Amino acid sequence: MGIVKISEQLHEEIREASTVMARSINAQAEFWIKVGMLAEFYPDLTYAQLTRKLLTSEELPLATLKTEAAQQQEAC
């Protein structure tokens, strides 16, 4: 686990959202990070589609890309 520095304003927004969504502050931040990552990988998907993908996949796309890159390096 690492430490991520964010602005006080963003921390306050995460805190407020976590209360509404009944998540811990860390869980809310992690959720937003994952949704943001998926949005970058799949810019054509809606929020509902992104969250569905998040709920149904065992790992995020970055993990899949790392695995594929490692397999390609081993093949060389």
PDB file of N, CA and C in Angstrom:
ATOM      1  N   MET A   1       0.856  -1.164   0.000  1.00  0.00           N
ATOM      2  CA  MET A   1       0.000   0.000   0.000  1.00  0.00           C
ATOM      3  C   MET A   1       0.904   1.230   0.000  1.00  0.00           C
ATOM      4  N   GLY A   2       0.515   2.223  -0.763  1.00  0.00           N
ATOM      5  CA  GLY A   2       1.286   3.448  -0.843  1.00  0.00           C
ATOM      6  C   GLY A   2       0.474   4.634  -0.364  1.00  0.00           C
ATOM      7  N   ILE A   3       1.135   5.764  -0.359  1.00  0.00           N
ATOM      8  CA  ILE A   3       0.481   7.002   0.034  1.00  0.00           C
ATOM      9  C   ILE A   3       0.343   7.874  -1.201  1.00  0.00           C
ATOM     10  N   VAL A   4      -0.850   8.402  -1.403  1.00  0.00           N
ATOM     11  CA  VAL A   4      -1.118   9.301  -2.515  1.00  0.00           C
ATOM     12  C   VAL A   4      -1.483  10.655  -1.927  1.00  0.00           C
ATOM     13  N   LYS A   5      -0.769  11.684  -2.351  1.00  0.00           N
ATOM     14  CA  LYS A   5      -1.083  13.022  -1.855  1.00  0.00           C
ATOM     15  C   LYS A   5      -2.097  13.668  -2.785  1.00  0.00           C
ATOM     16  N   ILE A   6      -3.151  14.175  -2.188  1.00  0.00           N
ATOM     17  CA  ILE A   6      -4.186  14.871  -2.945  1.00  0.00           C
ATOM     18  C   ILE A   6      -4.473  16.198  -2.251  1.00  0.00           C
ATOM     19  N   SER A   7      -5.137  17.072  -2.967  1.00  0.00           N
ATOM     20  CA  SER A   7      -5.459  18.382  -2.396  1.00  0.00           C
ATOM     21  C   SER A   7      -6.485  18.231  -1.271  1.00  0.00           C
ATOM     22  N   GLU A   8      -6.494  19.213  -0.391  1.00  0.00           N
ATOM     23  CA  GLU A   8      -7.472  19.225   0.694  1.00  0.00           C
ATOM     24  C   GLU A   8      -8.896  19.275   0.147  1.00  0.00           C
ATOM     25  N   GLN A   9      -9.082  20.032  -0.934  1.00  0.00           N
ATOM     26  CA  GLN A   9     -10.418  20.151  -1.524  1.00  0.00           C
ATOM     27  C   GLN A   9     -10.907  18.803  -2.039  1.00  0.00           C
ATOM     28  N   LEU A  10     -10.039  18.072  -2.746  1.00  0.00           N
ATOM     29  CA  LEU A  10     -10.434  16.758  -3.255  1.00  0.00           C
ATOM     30  C   LEU A  10     -10.687  15.792  -2.096  1.00  0.00           C
ATOM     31  N   HIS A  11      -9.871  15.855  -1.070  1.00  0.00           N
ATOM     32  CA  HIS A  11     -10.071  14.994   0.097  1.00  0.00           C
ATOM     33  C   HIS A  11     -11.440  15.257   0.725  1.00  0.00           C
ATOM     34  N   GLU A  12     -11.802  16.526   0.809  1.00  0.00           N
ATOM     35  CA  GLU A  12     -13.109  16.882   1.372  1.00  0.00           C
ATOM     36  C   GLU A  12     -14.245  16.340   0.500  1.00  0.00           C
ATOM     37  N   GLU A  13     -14.086  16.421  -0.829  1.00  0.00           N
ATOM     38  CA  GLU A  13     -15.109  15.894  -1.739  1.00  0.00           C
ATOM     39  C   GLU A  13     -15.225  14.376  -1.603  1.00  0.00           C
ATOM     40  N   ILE A  14     -14.082  13.710  -1.460  1.00  0.00           N
ATOM     41  CA  ILE A  14     -14.106  12.254  -1.263  1.00  0.00           C
ATOM     42  C   ILE A  14     -14.797  11.918   0.055  1.00  0.00           C
ATOM     43  N   ARG A  15     -14.489  12.668   1.100  1.00  0.00           N
ATOM     44  CA  ARG A  15     -15.097  12.438   2.403  1.00  0.00           C
ATOM     45  C   ARG A  15     -16.611  12.589   2.333  1.00  0.00           C
ATOM     46  N   GLU A  16     -17.069  13.657   1.678  1.00  0.00           N
ATOM     47  CA  GLU A  16     -18.507  13.882   1.550  1.00  0.00           C
ATOM     48  C   GLU A  16     -19.172  12.783   0.730  1.00  0.00           C
ATOM     49  N   ALA A  17     -18.548  12.406  -0.377  1.00  0.00           N
ATOM     50  CA  ALA A  17     -19.113  11.348  -1.221  1.00  0.00           C
ATOM     51  C   ALA A  17     -19.131  10.013  -0.483  1.00  0.00           C
ATOM     52  N   SER A  18     -18.097   9.753   0.297  1.00  0.00           N
ATOM     53  CA  SER A  18     -18.048   8.482   1.020  1.00  0.00           C
ATOM     54  C   SER A  18     -19.184   8.366   2.030  1.00  0.00           C
ATOM     55  N   THR A  19     -19.573   9.474   2.615  1.00  0.00           N
ATOM     56  CA  THR A  19     -20.694   9.470   3.557  1.00  0.00           C
ATOM     57  C   THR A  19     -21.997   9.142   2.834  1.00  0.00           C
ATOM     58  N   VAL A  20     -22.206   9.772   1.700  1.00  0.00           N
ATOM     59  CA  VAL A  20     -23.427   9.547   0.921  1.00  0.00           C
ATOM     60  C   VAL A  20     -23.489   8.120   0.383  1.00  0.00           C
ATOM     61  N   MET A  21     -22.333   7.618  -0.068  1.00  0.00           N
ATOM     62  CA  MET A  21     -22.298   6.297  -0.688  1.00  0.00           C
ATOM     63  C   MET A  21     -22.067   5.167   0.315  1.00  0.00           C
ATOM     64  N   ALA A  22     -21.971   5.499   1.603  1.00  0.00           N
ATOM     65  CA  ALA A  22     -21.760   4.517   2.677  1.00  0.00           C
ATOM     66  C   ALA A  22     -20.492   3.693   2.444  1.00  0.00           C
ATOM     67  N   ARG A  23     -19.430   4.397   2.059  1.00  0.00           N
ATOM     68  CA  ARG A  23     -18.120   3.767   1.888  1.00  0.00           C
ATOM     69  C   ARG A  23     -17.135   4.475   2.801  1.00  0.00           C
ATOM     70  N   SER A  24     -16.027   3.819   3.085  1.00  0.00           N
ATOM     71  CA  SER A  24     -14.959   4.509   3.790  1.00  0.00           C
ATOM     72  C   SER A  24     -14.340   5.522   2.820  1.00  0.00           C
ATOM     73  N   ILE A  25     -13.591   6.455   3.360  1.00  0.00           N
ATOM     74  CA  ILE A  25     -12.925   7.444   2.494  1.00  0.00           C
ATOM     75  C   ILE A  25     -11.985   6.726   1.526  1.00  0.00           C
ATOM     76  N   ASN A  26     -11.226   5.767   2.026  1.00  0.00           N
ATOM     77  CA  ASN A  26     -10.305   5.033   1.147  1.00  0.00           C
ATOM     78  C   ASN A  26     -11.047   4.235   0.082  1.00  0.00           C
ATOM     79  N   ALA A  27     -12.156   3.603   0.453  1.00  0.00           N
ATOM     80  CA  ALA A  27     -12.931   2.829  -0.521  1.00  0.00           C
ATOM     81  C   ALA A  27     -13.524   3.736  -1.591  1.00  0.00           C
ATOM     82  N   GLN A  28     -13.965   4.929  -1.202  1.00  0.00           N
ATOM     83  CA  GLN A  28     -14.516   5.874  -2.172  1.00  0.00           C
ATOM     84  C   GLN A  28     -13.436   6.329  -3.143  1.00  0.00           C
ATOM     85  N   ALA A  29     -12.262   6.666  -2.612  1.00  0.00           N
ATOM     86  CA  ALA A  29     -11.153   7.093  -3.467  1.00  0.00           C
ATOM     87  C   ALA A  29     -10.747   5.971  -4.423  1.00  0.00           C
ATOM     88  N   GLU A  30     -10.662   4.750  -3.908  1.00  0.00           N
ATOM     89  CA  GLU A  30     -10.293   3.616  -4.751  1.00  0.00           C
ATOM     90  C   GLU A  30     -11.339   3.386  -5.848  1.00  0.00           C
ATOM     91  N   PHE A  31     -12.608   3.505  -5.500  1.00  0.00           N
ATOM     92  CA  PHE A  31     -13.668   3.340  -6.494  1.00  0.00           C
ATOM     93  C   PHE A  31     -13.528   4.377  -7.601  1.00  0.00           C
ATOM     94  N   TRP A  32     -13.348   5.650  -7.220  1.00  0.00           N
ATOM     95  CA  TRP A  32     -13.199   6.701  -8.231  1.00  0.00           C
ATOM     96  C   TRP A  32     -11.962   6.487  -9.088  1.00  0.00           C
ATOM     97  N   ILE A  33     -10.876   6.023  -8.499  1.00  0.00           N
ATOM     98  CA  ILE A  33      -9.659   5.757  -9.269  1.00  0.00           C
ATOM     99  C   ILE A  33      -9.915   4.648 -10.287  1.00  0.00           C
ATOM    100  N   LYS A  34     -10.570   3.591  -9.859  1.00  0.00           N
ATOM    101  CA  LYS A  34     -10.855   2.475 -10.775  1.00  0.00           C
ATOM    102  C   LYS A  34     -11.788   2.897 -11.905  1.00  0.00           C
ATOM    103  N   VAL A  35     -12.826   3.653 -11.580  1.00  0.00           N
ATOM    104  CA  VAL A  35     -13.753   4.123 -12.616  1.00  0.00           C
ATOM    105  C   VAL A  35     -13.008   5.047 -13.591  1.00  0.00           C
ATOM    106  N   GLY A  36     -12.155   5.904 -13.068  1.00  0.00           N
ATOM    107  CA  GLY A  36     -11.370   6.791 -13.925  1.00  0.00           C
ATOM    108  C   GLY A  36     -10.441   6.019 -14.844  1.00  0.00           C
ATOM    109  N   MET A  37      -9.802   4.979 -14.313  1.00  0.00           N
ATOM    110  CA  MET A  37      -8.914   4.154 -15.131  1.00  0.00           C
ATOM    111  C   MET A  37      -9.699   3.471 -16.248  1.00  0.00           C
ATOM    112  N   LEU A  38     -10.861   2.903 -15.883  1.00  0.00           N
ATOM    113  CA  LEU A  38     -11.687   2.263 -16.901  1.00  0.00           C
ATOM    114  C   LEU A  38     -12.161   3.270 -17.950  1.00  0.00           C
ATOM    115  N   ALA A  39     -12.480   4.485 -17.519  1.00  0.00           N
ATOM    116  CA  ALA A  39     -12.934   5.515 -18.462  1.00  0.00           C
ATOM    117  C   ALA A  39     -11.835   5.855 -19.467  1.00  0.00           C
ATOM    118  N   GLU A  40     -10.587   5.824 -19.033  1.00  0.00           N
ATOM    119  CA  GLU A  40      -9.488   6.088 -19.970  1.00  0.00           C
ATOM    120  C   GLU A  40      -9.304   4.931 -20.939  1.00  0.00           C
ATOM    121  N   PHE A  41      -9.478   3.698 -20.469  1.00  0.00           N
ATOM    122  CA  PHE A  41      -9.336   2.531 -21.339  1.00  0.00           C
ATOM    123  C   PHE A  41     -10.528   2.343 -22.276  1.00  0.00           C
ATOM    124  N   TYR A  42     -11.709   2.758 -21.807  1.00  0.00           N
ATOM    125  CA  TYR A  42     -12.949   2.573 -22.568  1.00  0.00           C
ATOM    126  C   TYR A  42     -13.721   3.888 -22.646  1.00  0.00           C
ATOM    127  N   PRO A  43     -13.216   4.872 -23.382  1.00  0.00           N
ATOM    128  CA  PRO A  43     -13.857   6.195 -23.404  1.00  0.00           C
ATOM    129  C   PRO A  43     -15.252   6.211 -24.020  1.00  0.00           C
ATOM    130  N   ASP A  44     -15.614   5.180 -24.749  1.00  0.00           N
ATOM    131  CA  ASP A  44     -16.918   5.138 -25.399  1.00  0.00           C
ATOM    132  C   ASP A  44     -18.020   4.571 -24.501  1.00  0.00           C
ATOM    133  N   LEU A  45     -17.651   4.040 -23.324  1.00  0.00           N
ATOM    134  CA  LEU A  45     -18.654   3.443 -22.442  1.00  0.00           C
ATOM    135  C   LEU A  45     -19.277   4.482 -21.517  1.00  0.00           C
ATOM    136  N   THR A  46     -20.519   4.237 -21.140  1.00  0.00           N
ATOM    137  CA  THR A  46     -21.204   5.111 -20.183  1.00  0.00           C
ATOM    138  C   THR A  46     -20.757   4.744 -18.764  1.00  0.00           C
ATOM    139  N   TYR A  47     -21.136   5.592 -17.812  1.00  0.00           N
ATOM    140  CA  TYR A  47     -20.817   5.309 -16.409  1.00  0.00           C
ATOM    141  C   TYR A  47     -21.418   3.969 -15.977  1.00  0.00           C
ATOM    142  N   ALA A  48     -22.653   3.716 -16.362  1.00  0.00           N
ATOM    143  CA  ALA A  48     -23.299   2.450 -15.995  1.00  0.00           C
ATOM    144  C   ALA A  48     -22.537   1.256 -16.577  1.00  0.00           C
ATOM    145  N   GLN A  49     -22.089   1.369 -17.810  1.00  0.00           N
ATOM    146  CA  GLN A  49     -21.324   0.286 -18.421  1.00  0.00           C
ATOM    147  C   GLN A  49     -19.964   0.108 -17.737  1.00  0.00           C
ATOM    148  N   LEU A  50     -19.339   1.223 -17.364  1.00  0.00           N
ATOM    149  CA  LEU A  50     -18.052   1.146 -16.677  1.00  0.00           C
ATOM    150  C   LEU A  50     -18.186   0.463 -15.326  1.00  0.00           C
ATOM    151  N   THR A  51     -19.204   0.844 -14.561  1.00  0.00           N
ATOM    152  CA  THR A  51     -19.376   0.228 -13.243  1.00  0.00           C
ATOM    153  C   THR A  51     -19.756  -1.243 -13.373  1.00  0.00           C
ATOM    154  N   ARG A  52     -20.509  -1.598 -14.388  1.00  0.00           N
ATOM    155  CA  ARG A  52     -20.832  -3.006 -14.628  1.00  0.00           C
ATOM    156  C   ARG A  52     -19.558  -3.787 -14.930  1.00  0.00           C
ATOM    157  N   LYS A  53     -18.690  -3.209 -15.756  1.00  0.00           N
ATOM    158  CA  LYS A  53     -17.416  -3.840 -16.093  1.00  0.00           C
ATOM    159  C   LYS A  53     -16.567  -3.997 -14.828  1.00  0.00           C
ATOM    160  N   LEU A  54     -16.580  -3.001 -13.980  1.00  0.00           N
ATOM    161  CA  LEU A  54     -15.834  -3.051 -12.726  1.00  0.00           C
ATOM    162  C   LEU A  54     -16.354  -4.168 -11.824  1.00  0.00           C
ATOM    163  N   LEU A  55     -17.651  -4.331 -11.772  1.00  0.00           N
ATOM    164  CA  LEU A  55     -18.243  -5.355 -10.920  1.00  0.00           C
ATOM    165  C   LEU A  55     -18.054  -6.772 -11.465  1.00  0.00           C
ATOM    166  N   THR A  56     -17.950  -6.914 -12.771  1.00  0.00           N
ATOM    167  CA  THR A  56     -17.897  -8.252 -13.365  1.00  0.00           C
ATOM    168  C   THR A  56     -16.495  -8.740 -13.701  1.00  0.00           C
ATOM    169  N   SER A  57     -15.505  -7.857 -13.727  1.00  0.00           N
ATOM    170  CA  SER A  57     -14.162  -8.312 -14.080  1.00  0.00           C
ATOM    171  C   SER A  57     -13.334  -8.545 -12.822  1.00  0.00           C
ATOM    172  N   GLU A  58     -12.498  -9.568 -12.884  1.00  0.00           N
ATOM    173  CA  GLU A  58     -11.657  -9.904 -11.737  1.00  0.00           C
ATOM    174  C   GLU A  58     -10.483  -8.945 -11.594  1.00  0.00           C
ATOM    175  N   GLU A  59     -10.038  -8.380 -12.714  1.00  0.00           N
ATOM    176  CA  GLU A  59      -8.921  -7.455 -12.661  1.00  0.00           C
ATOM    177  C   GLU A  59      -9.149  -6.308 -13.631  1.00  0.00           C
ATOM    178  N   LEU A  60      -8.480  -5.220 -13.379  1.00  0.00           N
ATOM    179  CA  LEU A  60      -8.606  -4.047 -14.242  1.00  0.00           C
ATOM    180  C   LEU A  60      -7.794  -4.237 -15.515  1.00  0.00           C
ATOM    181  N   PRO A  61      -8.090  -3.492 -16.570  1.00  0.00           N
ATOM    182  CA  PRO A  61      -7.394  -3.656 -17.843  1.00  0.00           C
ATOM    183  C   PRO A  61      -5.879  -3.528 -17.738  1.00  0.00           C
ATOM    184  N   LEU A  62      -5.384  -2.693 -16.836  1.00  0.00           N
ATOM    185  CA  LEU A  62      -3.942  -2.513 -16.714  1.00  0.00           C
ATOM    186  C   LEU A  62      -3.265  -3.814 -16.330  1.00  0.00           C
ATOM    187  N   ALA A  63      -3.874  -4.593 -15.460  1.00  0.00           N
ATOM    188  CA  ALA A  63      -3.311  -5.882 -15.065  1.00  0.00           C
ATOM    189  C   ALA A  63      -3.241  -6.822 -16.261  1.00  0.00           C
ATOM    190  N   THR A  64      -4.270  -6.801 -17.101  1.00  0.00           N
ATOM    191  CA  THR A  64      -4.288  -7.630 -18.303  1.00  0.00           C
ATOM    192  C   THR A  64      -3.186  -7.196 -19.262  1.00  0.00           C
ATOM    193  N   LEU A  65      -3.025  -5.889 -19.436  1.00  0.00           N
ATOM    194  CA  LEU A  65      -1.988  -5.379 -20.328  1.00  0.00           C
ATOM    195  C   LEU A  65      -0.593  -5.750 -19.823  1.00  0.00           C
ATOM    196  N   LYS A  66      -0.374  -5.691 -18.522  1.00  0.00           N
ATOM    197  CA  LYS A  66       0.921  -6.066 -17.949  1.00  0.00           C
ATOM    198  C   LYS A  66       1.202  -7.542 -18.195  1.00  0.00           C
ATOM    199  N   THR A  67       0.182  -8.384 -18.025  1.00  0.00           N
ATOM    200  CA  THR A  67       0.346  -9.811 -18.261  1.00  0.00           C
ATOM    201  C   THR A  67       0.694 -10.078 -19.722  1.00  0.00           C
ATOM    202  N   GLU A  68       0.002  -9.429 -20.638  1.00  0.00           N
ATOM    203  CA  GLU A  68       0.276  -9.598 -22.065  1.00  0.00           C
ATOM    204  C   GLU A  68       1.678  -9.120 -22.415  1.00  0.00           C
ATOM    205  N   ALA A  69       2.106  -7.998 -21.848  1.00  0.00           N
ATOM    206  CA  ALA A  69       3.446  -7.467 -22.114  1.00  0.00           C
ATOM    207  C   ALA A  69       4.520  -8.436 -21.604  1.00  0.00           C
ATOM    208  N   ALA A  70       4.294  -9.009 -20.421  1.00  0.00           N
ATOM    209  CA  ALA A  70       5.248  -9.968 -19.864  1.00  0.00           C
ATOM    210  C   ALA A  70       5.332 -11.215 -20.735  1.00  0.00           C
ATOM    211  N   GLN A  71       4.199 -11.670 -21.237  1.00  0.00           N
ATOM    212  CA  GLN A  71       4.191 -12.843 -22.108  1.00  0.00           C
ATOM    213  C   GLN A  71       4.912 -12.558 -23.405  1.00  0.00           C
ATOM    214  N   GLN A  72       4.767 -11.362 -23.939  1.00  0.00           N
ATOM    215  CA  GLN A  72       5.456 -10.985 -25.166  1.00  0.00           C
ATOM    216  C   GLN A  72       6.968 -10.930 -24.945  1.00  0.00           C
ATOM    217  N   GLN A  73       7.389 -10.414 -23.799  1.00  0.00           N
ATOM    218  CA  GLN A  73       8.815 -10.359 -23.505  1.00  0.00           C
ATOM    219  C   GLN A  73       9.411 -11.742 -23.350  1.00  0.00           C
ATOM    220  N   GLU A  74       8.665 -12.650 -22.734  1.00  0.00           N
ATOM    221  CA  GLU A  74       9.132 -14.022 -22.572  1.00  0.00           C
ATOM    222  C   GLU A  74       9.259 -14.716 -23.926  1.00  0.00           C
ATOM    223  N   ALA A  75       8.404 -14.380 -24.860  1.00  0.00           N
ATOM    224  CA  ALA A  75       8.411 -14.996 -26.180  1.00  0.00           C
ATOM    225  C   ALA A  75       9.625 -14.558 -26.997  1.00  0.00           C
ATOM    226  N   CYS A  76      10.165 -13.394 -26.693  1.00  0.00           N
ATOM    227  CA  CYS A  76      11.308 -12.851 -27.454  1.00  0.00           C
ATOM    228  C   CYS A  76      12.616 -13.438 -27.040  1.00  0.00           C
TER     229      CYS A  76
END
